[in-house]
Structures are given as structure tokens and as C-alpha cells.
Amino acid sequence: VKRVAPLTTAEVVLQSAHNVSVGVMLGLLPGEQDPLLPFIEQGSRTVPAAGSYQVIVGAQLANQLGVQLGDKIRLM
């Protein structure tokens, strides 16, 4: 075990201008280090600020939704 952190998970529906898909959202407490940051291939490797509307989307899900960096998606 390298690290233990409290996570909140929820199943979500994601909608882009091109498609709809489902996924799992991980929520972190403000100030916690995001465990996915080391695996980011494109975009910023900084932790999104609390209250900001930024998400990390996996490459396969981004492809399914037809989105790229900077595109907007709706989470339900």
C-alpha cells in the first residue's frame, strides 16, 4: 500500500454534443492529491480547484463521446 485516500464514487451518465455514455465518477476531498494525475497523457497535470467544473476523462470514454481537450460535457 502506497497511499490511502477517501474517495466518493457514483455512477454517472455523460452527454456530449455527439453521444451519450455511462461511467463512474471518483470524487476527492478538497486538498487531496488525485491518484489519476500520474497517468494523464494530455492536458494539465494540476489538481482541479475545488468548485471548478473540470473532469478527467479516460481516452476510451473520450473517444466514445467524441470529445477532446476543452470540449464541454454534461454529467447526470
Protein backbone atom coordinates (compact mmCIF):
# COMPACT_ATOMS: atom_id res chain seq x y z
CA VAL A 1 0.00 0.00 0.00
CA LYS A 2 1.49 3.32 -1.05
CA ARG A 3 -1.38 5.60 -0.14
CA VAL A 4 -4.86 5.61 1.36
CA ALA A 5 -7.35 8.35 0.50
CA PRO A 6 -11.10 8.79 0.98
CA LEU A 7 -12.96 8.56 -2.33
CA THR A 8 -16.60 9.05 -3.20
CA THR A 9 -17.83 7.12 -6.22
CA ALA A 10 -21.03 7.43 -8.23
CA GLU A 11 -22.32 6.08 -11.50
CA VAL A 12 -22.96 8.89 -13.98
CA VAL A 13 -24.40 9.46 -17.41
CA LEU A 14 -22.18 11.66 -19.61
CA GLN A 15 -23.53 13.59 -22.57
CA SER A 16 -21.52 15.39 -25.23
CA ALA A 17 -22.68 17.14 -28.37
CA HIS A 18 -22.03 13.86 -30.21
CA ASN A 19 -23.00 10.97 -27.94
CA VAL A 20 -24.16 9.71 -24.53
CA SER A 21 -22.31 7.17 -22.38
CA VAL A 22 -22.11 5.93 -18.79
CA GLY A 23 -19.18 5.90 -16.41
CA VAL A 24 -18.05 6.05 -12.81
CA MET A 25 -17.06 9.34 -11.21
CA LEU A 26 -14.48 9.50 -8.44
CA GLY A 27 -14.73 12.42 -6.04
CA LEU A 28 -11.92 13.58 -3.77
CA LEU A 29 -11.90 15.81 -0.75
CA PRO A 30 -10.52 19.31 -1.43
CA GLY A 31 -6.76 19.31 -0.99
CA GLU A 32 -6.35 15.57 -1.65
CA GLN A 33 -3.90 14.52 -4.36
CA ASP A 34 -5.67 12.99 -7.36
CA PRO A 35 -4.47 9.38 -7.85
CA LEU A 36 -5.01 9.66 -11.63
CA LEU A 37 -2.67 12.62 -12.23
CA PRO A 38 0.43 10.48 -12.96
CA PHE A 39 -1.46 8.77 -15.79
CA ILE A 40 -2.63 11.89 -17.67
CA GLU A 41 -1.35 11.89 -21.26
CA GLN A 42 -2.92 15.15 -22.48
CA GLY A 43 -3.85 18.33 -20.66
CA SER A 44 -2.85 19.80 -17.34
CA ARG A 45 -1.43 17.67 -14.55
CA THR A 46 -2.60 20.08 -11.87
CA VAL A 47 -5.39 19.22 -9.45
CA PRO A 48 -8.62 20.99 -10.46
CA ALA A 49 -9.55 23.66 -7.92
CA ALA A 50 -12.42 22.98 -5.53
CA GLY A 51 -15.65 24.30 -7.04
CA SER A 52 -14.31 24.27 -10.58
CA TYR A 53 -16.03 22.31 -13.30
CA GLN A 54 -13.16 20.20 -14.63
CA VAL A 55 -13.05 16.45 -15.07
CA ILE A 56 -10.52 13.87 -16.15
CA VAL A 57 -11.94 11.57 -18.84
CA GLY A 58 -10.26 8.35 -19.93
CA ALA A 59 -9.16 8.04 -23.56
CA GLN A 60 -11.71 5.32 -24.39
CA LEU A 61 -14.60 7.29 -22.90
CA ALA A 62 -13.45 10.49 -24.64
CA ASN A 63 -13.41 8.57 -27.91
CA GLN A 64 -16.92 7.19 -27.29
CA LEU A 65 -18.21 10.70 -26.54
CA GLY A 66 -16.31 12.27 -29.42
CA VAL A 67 -14.69 14.88 -27.17
CA GLN A 68 -11.26 16.46 -26.97
CA LEU A 69 -9.48 18.78 -24.52
CA GLY A 70 -11.60 21.83 -23.82
CA ASP A 71 -14.90 20.35 -25.01
CA LYS A 72 -17.89 20.53 -22.67
CA ILE A 73 -19.80 17.52 -21.39
CA ARG A 74 -22.86 17.18 -19.18
CA LEU A 75 -22.79 14.87 -16.14
CA MET A 76 -26.05 13.44 -14.82
